[in-house]
N, C-alpha and C. Protein backbone atom coordinates (compact mmCIF):
# COMPACT_ATOMS: atom_id res chain seq x y z
N MET A 1 58.02 135.98 30.58
CA MET A 1 59.42 135.77 31.06
C MET A 1 59.56 134.34 30.62
N PRO A 2 60.81 133.84 30.24
CA PRO A 2 60.91 132.56 29.75
C PRO A 2 61.11 131.76 31.04
N LYS A 3 60.62 130.42 30.85
CA LYS A 3 60.78 129.36 31.77
C LYS A 3 62.06 128.70 31.83
N PRO A 4 62.71 128.42 32.94
CA PRO A 4 64.01 127.73 32.87
C PRO A 4 63.86 126.46 32.23
N SER A 5 64.90 126.11 31.37
CA SER A 5 64.92 124.77 30.75
C SER A 5 65.05 123.67 31.72
N PRO A 6 64.61 122.47 31.27
CA PRO A 6 64.83 121.35 32.03
C PRO A 6 66.15 121.03 32.65
N SER A 7 67.19 121.33 31.85
CA SER A 7 68.54 121.11 32.26
C SER A 7 68.93 121.94 33.34
N ARG A 8 68.31 123.33 33.25
CA ARG A 8 68.66 124.38 34.30
C ARG A 8 67.93 124.05 35.68
N ARG A 9 66.63 123.57 35.57
CA ARG A 9 65.86 123.19 36.58
C ARG A 9 66.67 122.03 37.42
N GLY A 10 67.26 121.17 36.63
CA GLY A 10 67.82 120.05 37.20
C GLY A 10 69.05 120.55 37.86
N ALA A 11 69.84 121.39 37.40
CA ALA A 11 71.09 121.97 37.96
C ALA A 11 70.73 122.70 39.31
N LEU A 12 69.58 123.40 39.22
CA LEU A 12 69.30 124.18 40.40
C LEU A 12 68.77 123.07 41.62
N SER A 13 67.98 122.10 41.12
CA SER A 13 67.60 121.25 42.24
C SER A 13 68.98 120.30 42.71
N GLN A 14 69.79 120.06 41.77
CA GLN A 14 71.04 119.39 42.34
C GLN A 14 71.94 120.26 43.35
N GLY A 15 71.92 121.49 42.82
CA GLY A 15 72.58 122.61 43.88
C GLY A 15 72.04 122.63 45.12
N LEU A 16 70.51 122.73 45.12
CA LEU A 16 69.77 122.84 46.35
C LEU A 16 70.11 121.56 47.33
N VAL A 17 70.01 120.33 46.70
CA VAL A 17 70.40 119.09 47.40
C VAL A 17 71.75 119.14 48.01
N ILE A 18 72.70 119.43 47.19
CA ILE A 18 74.11 119.60 47.69
C ILE A 18 74.19 120.83 48.81
N GLY A 19 73.39 121.81 48.76
CA GLY A 19 73.53 122.96 49.84
C GLY A 19 72.83 122.30 51.03
N LEU A 20 71.71 121.56 50.93
CA LEU A 20 71.03 120.93 52.10
C LEU A 20 71.79 120.11 52.85
N VAL A 21 72.68 119.08 52.03
CA VAL A 21 73.39 118.20 52.48
C VAL A 21 74.70 118.86 53.40
N ALA A 22 75.06 119.82 52.75
CA ALA A 22 76.20 120.49 53.38
C ALA A 22 75.76 121.21 54.71
N LEU A 23 74.65 121.76 54.69
CA LEU A 23 74.00 122.44 55.83
C LEU A 23 73.84 121.29 56.93
N LEU A 24 73.33 120.20 56.51
CA LEU A 24 72.99 119.06 57.63
C LEU A 24 74.44 118.58 58.14
N LEU A 25 75.52 118.43 57.24
CA LEU A 25 76.76 117.97 57.73
C LEU A 25 77.34 118.96 58.64
N LEU A 26 77.13 120.34 58.48
CA LEU A 26 77.58 121.31 59.40
C LEU A 26 76.92 121.20 60.67
N VAL A 27 75.78 120.77 60.70
CA VAL A 27 75.03 120.71 61.92
C VAL A 27 75.22 119.31 62.76
N ILE A 28 75.31 118.13 62.02
CA ILE A 28 75.36 116.96 62.43
C ILE A 28 76.68 116.59 62.95
N LEU A 29 77.66 116.77 62.16
CA LEU A 29 79.12 116.58 62.46
C LEU A 29 79.55 117.07 63.78
N PRO A 30 79.47 118.36 63.86
CA PRO A 30 79.64 118.94 65.26
C PRO A 30 78.92 118.35 66.50
N ALA A 31 77.58 117.99 66.23
CA ALA A 31 76.76 117.22 67.13
C ALA A 31 77.34 116.02 67.54
N GLY A 32 77.85 115.27 66.52
CA GLY A 32 78.36 113.81 66.71
C GLY A 32 79.47 113.95 67.36
N CYS A 33 80.39 114.83 67.08
CA CYS A 33 81.63 114.83 67.68
C CYS A 33 81.58 115.29 69.20
N GLY A 34 80.48 116.21 69.51
CA GLY A 34 80.27 116.66 70.78
C GLY A 34 79.87 115.52 71.71
N VAL A 35 78.80 114.64 71.09
CA VAL A 35 78.36 113.31 71.78
C VAL A 35 79.64 112.48 72.12
N SER A 36 80.38 112.28 71.14
CA SER A 36 81.45 111.30 71.30
C SER A 36 82.45 111.90 72.35
N LYS A 37 82.74 113.11 72.43
CA LYS A 37 83.64 113.81 73.26
C LYS A 37 82.97 113.72 74.67
N TYR A 38 81.69 113.94 74.80
CA TYR A 38 80.83 113.66 76.13
C TYR A 38 81.04 112.30 76.79
N ASN A 39 80.79 111.40 75.74
CA ASN A 39 80.89 109.91 76.23
C ASN A 39 82.20 109.55 76.48
N GLY A 40 83.46 110.19 75.97
CA GLY A 40 84.72 109.89 76.43
C GLY A 40 84.93 110.48 77.84
N ILE A 41 84.58 111.70 78.09
CA ILE A 41 84.73 112.19 79.40
C ILE A 41 84.02 111.35 80.43
N ALA A 42 82.69 111.09 79.97
CA ALA A 42 81.95 110.30 81.03
C ALA A 42 82.72 108.95 81.31
N SER A 43 83.24 108.35 80.40
CA SER A 43 83.87 107.08 80.52
C SER A 43 85.30 107.36 81.41
N ASN A 44 85.95 108.45 81.06
CA ASN A 44 87.13 108.89 81.98
C ASN A 44 86.72 108.84 83.46
N ARG A 45 85.60 109.50 83.66
CA ARG A 45 85.01 109.73 85.03
C ARG A 45 84.76 108.53 85.74
N GLU A 46 84.01 107.59 84.85
CA GLU A 46 83.78 106.10 85.42
C GLU A 46 85.19 105.35 85.78
N ALA A 47 86.05 105.65 85.07
CA ALA A 47 87.42 104.97 85.29
C ALA A 47 87.92 105.61 86.67
N VAL A 48 87.81 106.74 86.90
CA VAL A 48 88.22 107.42 88.14
C VAL A 48 87.44 106.89 89.26
N ASP A 49 86.01 106.73 89.22
CA ASP A 49 85.29 106.11 90.18
C ASP A 49 85.67 104.81 90.71
N ALA A 50 85.96 104.04 89.61
CA ALA A 50 86.48 102.45 89.70
C ALA A 50 87.69 102.49 90.48
N ALA A 51 88.77 103.36 90.15
CA ALA A 51 90.01 103.33 90.72
C ALA A 51 89.82 103.81 92.07
N TRP A 52 88.96 104.79 92.34
CA TRP A 52 88.70 105.20 93.88
C TRP A 52 88.19 104.15 94.66
N SER A 53 87.21 103.43 94.01
CA SER A 53 86.74 102.09 94.71
C SER A 53 87.81 101.27 95.27
N SER A 54 88.76 100.99 94.53
CA SER A 54 89.96 100.19 94.93
C SER A 54 90.81 100.75 95.78
N VAL A 55 90.96 102.09 95.83
CA VAL A 55 91.56 102.77 96.96
C VAL A 55 90.97 102.54 98.37
N GLN A 56 89.55 102.87 98.29
CA GLN A 56 88.95 102.71 99.55
C GLN A 56 88.88 101.31 100.00
N SER A 57 88.86 100.35 99.10
CA SER A 57 88.89 98.91 99.58
C SER A 57 90.22 98.71 100.34
N ASP A 58 91.27 98.93 99.71
CA ASP A 58 92.63 98.67 100.23
C ASP A 58 92.66 99.55 101.64
N TYR A 59 92.22 100.71 101.72
CA TYR A 59 92.33 101.25 102.98
C TYR A 59 91.62 100.79 104.16
N LYS A 60 90.44 100.18 103.71
CA LYS A 60 89.65 99.51 104.48
C LYS A 60 90.13 98.18 105.06
N ARG A 61 90.79 97.59 104.07
CA ARG A 61 91.40 96.18 104.58
C ARG A 61 92.56 96.62 105.57
N ARG A 62 93.29 97.65 105.41
CA ARG A 62 94.33 98.11 106.38
C ARG A 62 93.69 98.28 107.67
N SER A 63 92.74 99.16 107.73
CA SER A 63 91.92 99.61 108.88
C SER A 63 91.35 98.33 109.75
N ASP A 64 90.93 97.31 108.89
CA ASP A 64 90.37 96.04 109.57
C ASP A 64 91.53 95.16 110.19
N LEU A 65 92.63 95.37 109.72
CA LEU A 65 93.82 94.59 110.39
C LEU A 65 94.34 95.18 111.57
N ILE A 66 94.36 96.59 111.72
CA ILE A 66 94.98 97.32 112.94
C ILE A 66 94.41 97.01 114.11
N PRO A 67 93.18 96.76 114.38
CA PRO A 67 92.62 96.34 115.87
C PRO A 67 93.27 94.96 116.18
N GLN A 68 93.52 94.14 115.26
CA GLN A 68 94.05 92.82 115.54
C GLN A 68 95.40 92.90 115.89
N LEU A 69 96.11 93.82 115.23
CA LEU A 69 97.68 94.17 115.60
C LEU A 69 97.67 94.74 117.00
N VAL A 70 96.85 95.76 117.23
CA VAL A 70 96.86 96.29 118.49
C VAL A 70 96.63 95.33 119.68
N GLU A 71 95.59 94.34 119.47
CA GLU A 71 95.58 93.40 120.55
C GLU A 71 96.75 92.54 120.81
N VAL A 72 97.31 92.28 119.70
CA VAL A 72 98.50 91.31 119.81
C VAL A 72 99.60 92.20 120.54
N VAL A 73 99.84 93.35 120.12
CA VAL A 73 101.01 94.13 120.69
C VAL A 73 100.74 94.48 122.14
N LYS A 74 99.41 94.52 122.46
CA LYS A 74 99.07 94.88 123.93
C LYS A 74 99.75 93.73 124.97
N GLY A 75 99.91 92.54 124.29
CA GLY A 75 100.31 91.43 125.24
C GLY A 75 101.76 91.51 125.51
N ALA A 76 102.41 92.54 125.02
CA ALA A 76 104.02 92.64 125.15
C ALA A 76 104.28 93.41 126.49
N SER A 77 105.00 92.80 127.31
CA SER A 77 105.37 93.51 128.53
C SER A 77 105.86 94.86 128.40
N GLN A 78 105.26 95.88 129.12
CA GLN A 78 105.82 97.19 129.07
C GLN A 78 105.85 97.95 127.77
N PHE A 79 105.05 97.54 126.86
CA PHE A 79 105.00 98.26 125.50
C PHE A 79 104.38 99.60 125.73
N GLU A 80 104.97 100.59 125.04
CA GLU A 80 104.65 101.98 124.97
C GLU A 80 103.20 102.05 124.74
N SER A 81 102.48 102.48 125.95
CA SER A 81 100.96 102.69 125.52
C SER A 81 100.53 103.84 124.71
N GLU A 82 101.54 104.84 124.78
CA GLU A 82 101.27 106.01 124.07
C GLU A 82 101.26 105.87 122.58
N THR A 83 102.11 104.96 122.09
CA THR A 83 102.32 104.54 120.73
C THR A 83 101.25 103.69 120.24
N LEU A 84 100.75 102.84 121.17
CA LEU A 84 99.50 102.12 120.76
C LEU A 84 98.17 103.06 120.54
N GLN A 85 98.15 104.17 121.55
CA GLN A 85 97.12 104.87 121.63
C GLN A 85 97.02 105.74 120.39
N ALA A 86 98.15 106.26 119.90
CA ALA A 86 98.21 106.94 118.84
C ALA A 86 97.69 106.32 117.38
N VAL A 87 97.88 104.98 117.42
CA VAL A 87 97.35 104.19 116.40
C VAL A 87 95.97 104.13 116.46
N VAL A 88 95.39 103.87 117.84
CA VAL A 88 93.96 103.62 117.75
C VAL A 88 93.28 105.06 117.52
N ASP A 89 93.77 106.06 117.95
CA ASP A 89 93.14 107.30 117.62
C ASP A 89 93.31 107.77 116.11
N ALA A 90 94.29 107.35 115.53
CA ALA A 90 94.34 107.79 114.10
C ALA A 90 93.60 106.87 113.17
N ARG A 91 93.50 105.59 113.73
CA ARG A 91 92.44 104.78 112.93
C ARG A 91 91.04 105.22 113.04
N ALA A 92 90.58 105.74 114.15
CA ALA A 92 89.33 106.18 114.61
C ALA A 92 88.91 107.40 113.59
N LYS A 93 89.96 108.42 113.52
CA LYS A 93 89.89 109.47 112.72
C LYS A 93 89.78 109.16 111.29
N ALA A 94 90.70 108.26 110.79
CA ALA A 94 90.64 107.78 109.33
C ALA A 94 89.30 107.05 109.01
N THR A 95 88.77 106.26 109.85
CA THR A 95 87.70 105.55 109.59
C THR A 95 86.32 106.44 109.63
N SER A 96 86.44 107.59 110.31
CA SER A 96 85.33 108.49 110.26
C SER A 96 85.44 109.62 109.27
N THR A 97 86.66 109.63 108.64
CA THR A 97 86.79 110.85 107.42
C THR A 97 86.66 109.94 106.29
N THR A 98 85.72 109.97 105.63
CA THR A 98 85.33 109.31 104.42
C THR A 98 84.88 110.27 103.30
N ILE A 99 84.93 109.68 102.04
CA ILE A 99 84.54 110.49 100.95
C ILE A 99 84.21 109.37 99.87
N ASN A 100 82.95 109.78 99.34
CA ASN A 100 82.46 108.87 98.10
C ASN A 100 82.89 109.42 96.99
N ALA A 101 82.72 108.56 95.83
CA ALA A 101 83.14 109.03 94.60
C ALA A 101 82.42 110.16 94.03
N GLU A 102 81.13 110.46 94.47
CA GLU A 102 80.34 111.65 94.12
C GLU A 102 81.02 113.02 94.66
N ASP A 103 81.88 112.93 95.81
CA ASP A 103 82.41 113.95 96.41
C ASP A 103 83.93 114.29 96.05
N LEU A 104 84.34 113.50 95.05
CA LEU A 104 85.78 113.63 94.80
C LEU A 104 86.25 114.91 94.32
N ASP A 105 85.24 115.77 93.80
CA ASP A 105 85.45 117.13 93.21
C ASP A 105 85.33 118.05 94.29
N ASP A 106 85.37 117.60 95.49
CA ASP A 106 85.28 118.53 96.72
C ASP A 106 86.69 118.71 97.37
N PRO A 107 87.74 119.65 97.05
CA PRO A 107 88.88 119.66 97.43
C PRO A 107 89.09 119.55 99.08
N ALA A 108 88.26 120.15 99.69
CA ALA A 108 88.38 120.09 101.19
C ALA A 108 88.13 118.70 101.65
N LYS A 109 87.14 117.92 101.28
CA LYS A 109 86.89 116.65 101.68
C LYS A 109 87.96 115.71 101.29
N PHE A 110 88.57 115.88 100.09
CA PHE A 110 89.65 115.07 99.68
C PHE A 110 90.86 115.33 100.61
N GLN A 111 91.09 116.49 100.79
CA GLN A 111 92.35 116.85 101.58
C GLN A 111 92.13 116.22 102.96
N ALA A 112 90.89 116.34 103.47
CA ALA A 112 90.80 115.77 104.85
C ALA A 112 90.89 114.31 104.92
N PHE A 113 90.43 113.43 103.84
CA PHE A 113 90.66 112.15 103.80
C PHE A 113 92.08 111.90 103.65
N THR A 114 92.84 112.34 102.62
CA THR A 114 94.20 112.23 102.54
C THR A 114 94.99 112.39 103.77
N GLU A 115 94.70 113.40 104.54
CA GLU A 115 95.42 113.87 105.78
C GLU A 115 95.26 112.89 106.77
N ALA A 116 93.86 112.26 106.97
CA ALA A 116 93.71 111.31 107.89
C ALA A 116 94.34 110.02 107.61
N GLN A 117 94.30 109.68 106.37
CA GLN A 117 95.11 108.32 106.00
C GLN A 117 96.64 108.50 106.25
N SER A 118 97.06 109.81 105.84
CA SER A 118 98.61 109.85 106.17
C SER A 118 98.97 109.80 107.55
N GLU A 119 98.06 110.41 108.41
CA GLU A 119 98.25 110.44 109.96
C GLU A 119 98.33 108.87 110.48
N LEU A 120 97.36 108.13 109.89
CA LEU A 120 97.29 106.82 110.33
C LEU A 120 98.45 105.94 109.86
N SER A 121 99.06 106.22 108.57
CA SER A 121 100.26 105.64 107.97
C SER A 121 101.50 105.90 108.99
N GLY A 122 101.47 107.23 109.44
CA GLY A 122 102.63 107.66 110.20
C GLY A 122 102.55 106.88 111.45
N ALA A 123 101.39 106.85 112.17
CA ALA A 123 101.17 106.24 113.47
C ALA A 123 101.57 104.73 113.32
N LEU A 124 101.07 104.04 112.42
CA LEU A 124 101.26 102.53 112.23
C LEU A 124 102.82 102.43 111.83
N SER A 125 103.43 103.19 111.09
CA SER A 125 104.88 103.11 110.94
C SER A 125 105.73 103.24 112.33
N ARG A 126 105.40 104.26 113.08
CA ARG A 126 106.09 104.35 114.40
C ARG A 126 105.74 103.12 115.24
N LEU A 127 104.63 102.57 115.12
CA LEU A 127 104.38 101.47 116.05
C LEU A 127 105.19 100.17 115.67
N LEU A 128 105.34 99.97 114.24
CA LEU A 128 106.14 98.81 113.83
C LEU A 128 107.65 99.11 114.02
N VAL A 129 108.09 100.28 114.02
CA VAL A 129 109.39 100.45 114.39
C VAL A 129 109.64 100.19 115.74
N THR A 130 108.80 100.66 116.73
CA THR A 130 108.86 100.38 118.19
C THR A 130 108.93 98.93 118.43
N VAL A 131 108.18 98.01 117.67
CA VAL A 131 108.08 96.58 117.79
C VAL A 131 109.44 96.10 117.73
N GLU A 132 110.23 96.77 116.86
CA GLU A 132 111.64 96.21 116.76
C GLU A 132 112.36 95.97 118.04
N ARG A 133 112.02 96.71 118.96
CA ARG A 133 112.81 96.75 120.16
C ARG A 133 112.10 95.64 121.24
N TYR A 134 111.38 94.84 120.76
CA TYR A 134 110.57 93.84 121.43
C TYR A 134 110.71 92.53 120.86
N PRO A 135 111.97 91.73 120.88
CA PRO A 135 112.26 90.59 120.16
C PRO A 135 111.19 89.44 120.53
N GLU A 136 110.52 89.51 121.89
CA GLU A 136 109.84 88.36 122.22
C GLU A 136 108.44 88.66 121.60
N LEU A 137 108.11 89.96 121.20
CA LEU A 137 106.83 90.12 120.33
C LEU A 137 106.91 89.80 118.94
N LYS A 138 108.07 89.86 118.38
CA LYS A 138 108.42 89.66 116.98
C LYS A 138 108.42 88.05 116.75
N ALA A 139 108.50 87.32 117.84
CA ALA A 139 108.65 85.98 117.86
C ALA A 139 107.19 85.38 117.96
N VAL A 140 106.13 86.25 118.23
CA VAL A 140 104.83 85.69 118.22
C VAL A 140 104.22 85.48 116.78
N GLY A 141 103.67 84.13 116.71
CA GLY A 141 103.16 83.94 115.42
C GLY A 141 102.13 84.85 114.85
N ALA A 142 101.25 85.26 115.88
CA ALA A 142 100.08 86.22 115.18
C ALA A 142 100.64 87.51 114.78
N TYR A 143 101.73 87.90 115.45
CA TYR A 143 102.21 89.27 114.96
C TYR A 143 102.91 89.09 113.72
N ARG A 144 103.64 88.10 113.50
CA ARG A 144 104.30 87.84 112.37
C ARG A 144 103.31 87.75 111.23
N ASP A 145 102.12 86.96 111.49
CA ASP A 145 101.13 86.99 110.34
C ASP A 145 100.59 88.25 109.97
N LEU A 146 100.29 89.10 110.94
CA LEU A 146 99.56 90.46 110.79
C LEU A 146 100.64 91.11 110.11
N GLN A 147 101.87 91.28 110.41
CA GLN A 147 102.96 91.97 109.89
C GLN A 147 102.96 91.74 108.34
N VAL A 148 103.04 90.43 107.94
CA VAL A 148 102.90 90.04 106.53
C VAL A 148 101.66 90.65 105.74
N GLN A 149 100.51 90.53 106.45
CA GLN A 149 99.31 91.00 105.66
C GLN A 149 99.35 92.57 105.64
N LEU A 150 99.97 93.25 106.70
CA LEU A 150 99.95 94.70 106.51
C LEU A 150 100.75 95.05 105.46
N GLU A 151 102.05 94.48 105.42
CA GLU A 151 103.01 94.81 104.22
C GLU A 151 102.26 94.53 102.87
N GLY A 152 101.64 93.54 102.89
CA GLY A 152 100.96 93.27 101.43
C GLY A 152 99.89 94.16 101.14
N THR A 153 99.27 94.62 102.26
CA THR A 153 98.13 95.75 102.15
C THR A 153 98.67 97.04 101.79
N GLU A 154 99.89 97.47 102.30
CA GLU A 154 100.46 98.74 101.87
C GLU A 154 100.81 98.71 100.54
N ASN A 155 101.32 97.66 100.01
CA ASN A 155 101.80 97.48 98.65
C ASN A 155 100.47 97.59 97.79
N ARG A 156 99.39 97.02 98.03
CA ARG A 156 98.25 97.06 97.36
C ARG A 156 97.64 98.57 97.44
N ILE A 157 97.76 99.20 98.55
CA ILE A 157 97.33 100.65 98.62
C ILE A 157 98.21 101.45 97.68
N ASN A 158 99.47 101.24 97.61
CA ASN A 158 100.53 101.95 96.63
C ASN A 158 99.94 101.77 95.24
N VAL A 159 99.62 100.48 94.92
CA VAL A 159 99.18 100.27 93.44
C VAL A 159 97.95 100.75 92.97
N SER A 160 96.89 100.91 94.05
CA SER A 160 95.68 101.48 93.84
C SER A 160 95.71 102.88 93.61
N ARG A 161 96.63 103.74 94.49
CA ARG A 161 96.66 105.07 94.40
C ARG A 161 97.25 105.47 93.28
N LYS A 162 98.33 104.83 92.66
CA LYS A 162 99.13 105.00 91.57
C LYS A 162 97.93 104.87 90.34
N ASP A 163 97.05 103.89 90.37
CA ASP A 163 96.01 103.60 89.38
C ASP A 163 95.20 104.96 89.27
N TYR A 164 94.68 105.28 90.72
CA TYR A 164 93.80 106.46 90.57
C TYR A 164 94.51 107.73 90.27
N ILE A 165 95.83 107.97 90.44
CA ILE A 165 96.59 109.22 90.08
C ILE A 165 96.37 109.17 88.46
N GLU A 166 96.60 108.01 87.89
CA GLU A 166 96.57 107.93 86.54
C GLU A 166 95.44 108.14 85.78
N ALA A 167 94.36 107.66 86.61
CA ALA A 167 92.90 107.75 85.98
C ALA A 167 92.50 109.11 86.22
N VAL A 168 93.01 110.00 87.30
CA VAL A 168 92.52 111.27 87.38
C VAL A 168 93.38 112.14 86.38
N ARG A 169 94.67 111.88 86.14
CA ARG A 169 95.22 112.54 85.13
C ARG A 169 94.59 112.51 83.72
N VAL A 170 94.18 111.38 83.30
CA VAL A 170 93.41 111.25 82.01
C VAL A 170 92.09 112.25 82.11
N TYR A 171 91.56 111.87 83.11
CA TYR A 171 90.10 112.60 83.20
C TYR A 171 90.25 114.06 83.10
N ASN A 172 91.25 114.69 84.01
CA ASN A 172 91.47 116.07 84.08
C ASN A 172 91.91 116.76 82.74
N THR A 173 92.64 115.75 82.08
CA THR A 173 93.15 116.35 80.68
C THR A 173 92.08 116.29 79.83
N SER A 174 91.25 115.45 79.91
CA SER A 174 90.09 115.41 78.89
C SER A 174 89.11 116.59 78.96
N ILE A 175 89.10 117.25 80.29
CA ILE A 175 88.16 118.39 80.39
C ILE A 175 88.76 119.76 80.37
N VAL A 176 90.08 119.74 80.30
CA VAL A 176 90.71 121.06 80.16
C VAL A 176 91.14 121.45 78.64
N ARG A 177 91.16 120.50 77.96
CA ARG A 177 91.53 120.64 76.51
C ARG A 177 90.28 120.82 75.58
N PHE A 178 90.46 121.64 74.68
CA PHE A 178 89.24 121.88 73.65
C PHE A 178 89.17 120.83 72.77
N PRO A 179 87.81 120.39 72.46
CA PRO A 179 86.50 120.99 73.06
C PRO A 179 86.14 120.46 74.27
N GLY A 180 86.90 119.42 74.87
CA GLY A 180 86.20 119.00 76.08
C GLY A 180 86.08 119.94 77.20
N ASN A 181 86.85 121.04 77.23
CA ASN A 181 86.52 122.10 78.25
C ASN A 181 85.13 122.74 78.09
N VAL A 182 84.79 123.02 76.86
CA VAL A 182 83.48 123.55 76.49
C VAL A 182 82.37 122.50 76.90
N ILE A 183 82.54 121.26 76.54
CA ILE A 183 81.37 120.35 76.96
C ILE A 183 81.43 120.07 78.26
N ALA A 184 82.60 120.01 78.96
CA ALA A 184 82.61 120.03 80.48
C ALA A 184 81.77 121.18 81.31
N GLY A 185 82.05 122.42 80.53
CA GLY A 185 81.34 123.61 81.14
C GLY A 185 80.04 123.43 81.00
N PHE A 186 79.37 122.87 80.19
CA PHE A 186 77.93 122.73 79.79
C PHE A 186 77.37 121.55 80.70
N THR A 187 78.02 120.61 80.78
CA THR A 187 77.47 119.37 81.48
C THR A 187 77.87 119.09 82.94
N GLY A 188 78.59 119.97 83.50
CA GLY A 188 78.86 119.84 84.99
C GLY A 188 80.14 119.10 85.40
N PHE A 189 80.96 118.63 84.44
CA PHE A 189 82.18 117.90 84.68
C PHE A 189 83.21 118.78 85.36
N GLU A 190 83.75 118.56 86.57
CA GLU A 190 84.70 119.40 87.13
C GLU A 190 85.96 118.73 87.34
N LYS A 191 87.12 119.52 87.43
CA LYS A 191 88.54 119.11 87.67
C LYS A 191 88.56 118.50 89.06
N LEU A 192 89.22 117.38 89.07
CA LEU A 192 89.43 116.47 90.43
C LEU A 192 90.69 116.77 91.01
N PRO A 193 90.68 116.89 92.37
CA PRO A 193 91.97 117.00 93.09
C PRO A 193 92.82 115.73 92.90
N GLN A 194 94.08 115.80 93.26
CA GLN A 194 94.90 114.67 93.12
C GLN A 194 95.69 114.37 94.18
N PHE A 195 95.97 113.05 94.43
CA PHE A 195 97.03 112.57 95.21
C PHE A 195 98.29 113.09 94.83
N GLU A 196 99.25 113.37 95.84
CA GLU A 196 100.55 113.71 95.49
C GLU A 196 101.30 112.40 95.06
N VAL A 197 102.11 112.30 93.97
CA VAL A 197 102.85 111.19 93.80
C VAL A 197 103.77 110.69 94.79
N GLU A 198 104.52 111.51 95.57
CA GLU A 198 105.37 111.05 96.54
C GLU A 198 104.61 110.51 97.57
N GLU A 199 103.43 110.86 98.02
CA GLU A 199 102.54 110.13 98.99
C GLU A 199 102.36 108.76 98.56
N ALA A 200 101.84 108.62 97.14
CA ALA A 200 101.58 107.41 96.83
C ALA A 200 102.75 106.27 96.91
N ASP A 201 104.04 106.76 97.11
CA ASP A 201 105.17 105.98 96.94
C ASP A 201 105.49 105.70 98.49
N THR A 202 104.71 106.23 99.52
CA THR A 202 105.11 106.00 100.85
C THR A 202 104.39 104.70 101.38
N ALA A 203 105.09 103.82 102.02
CA ALA A 203 104.58 102.57 102.44
C ALA A 203 105.15 102.38 103.88
N VAL A 204 104.30 101.58 104.68
CA VAL A 204 104.94 101.08 105.89
C VAL A 204 106.29 100.42 105.58
N PRO A 205 107.41 100.68 106.42
CA PRO A 205 108.47 100.01 106.07
C PRO A 205 108.45 98.49 106.30
N THR A 206 109.23 97.68 105.61
CA THR A 206 109.31 96.23 105.93
C THR A 206 110.46 96.01 106.84
N PHE A 207 110.21 94.77 107.61
CA PHE A 207 111.17 94.59 108.68
C PHE A 207 111.66 92.96 108.55
N ASP A 208 112.84 92.80 109.17
CA ASP A 208 113.25 91.47 109.31
C ASP A 208 112.28 90.81 110.39
N LEU A 209 111.54 89.76 109.91
CA LEU A 209 110.61 89.14 110.91
C LEU A 209 111.16 87.82 111.58
N THR A 210 112.55 87.71 111.38
CA THR A 210 113.13 86.58 112.03
C THR A 210 113.44 86.98 113.51
N PRO A 211 112.98 86.30 114.49
CA PRO A 211 113.30 86.36 115.95
C PRO A 211 114.77 86.69 116.28
N ASP A 212 115.01 87.67 116.95
CA ASP A 212 116.46 87.77 117.45
C ASP A 212 116.93 86.78 118.26
N SER A 213 118.16 86.24 117.97
CA SER A 213 118.65 84.91 118.64
C SER A 213 119.25 85.46 120.06
N GLU A 214 119.02 84.83 120.83
CA GLU A 214 119.83 85.11 122.34
C GLU A 214 121.40 84.82 122.32
């Protein structure tokens, strides 16, 4: 049997090398793309966690201001005790209903948190509306300072909630589109529940803080 010529052996060797390179590319490129996609999803989830931290911080700031507000309002003559108690109760519920970043993929916990904060927002709004009927209370410097701080905090809450909504939108999109959905399925990334946009736009109303003239 005749032996292959040197040129033929060279051609075979070159073809083998090309085939091996092609095979490696078929294996390495998808793996590299998969790693890149995984890192992208992980980064998006980290952005969600960071945004959630800001949401929690702003809600805590509001919660810390409320006891001071309640104490100031208590000093008003004949102020509606039921309105004050509603704020105290709503705050107690909101502070006890917490959710960590690790539990954001639990719809039940997320809903409980958002409902508790919504109830507190409503109770606080009703309290501030009621204060409008007490011009002597509006003239108190401590109340006016707290009102300004609360309005600023509500604005910060709205901003942080909107940032969280956007972060969740980006993350959820990254795990439902191919190939992110495949990678998410293997690595345990789950879709996160979302704030309602209209809720994020709801803030405690602002008021004219100028004391009524007699």
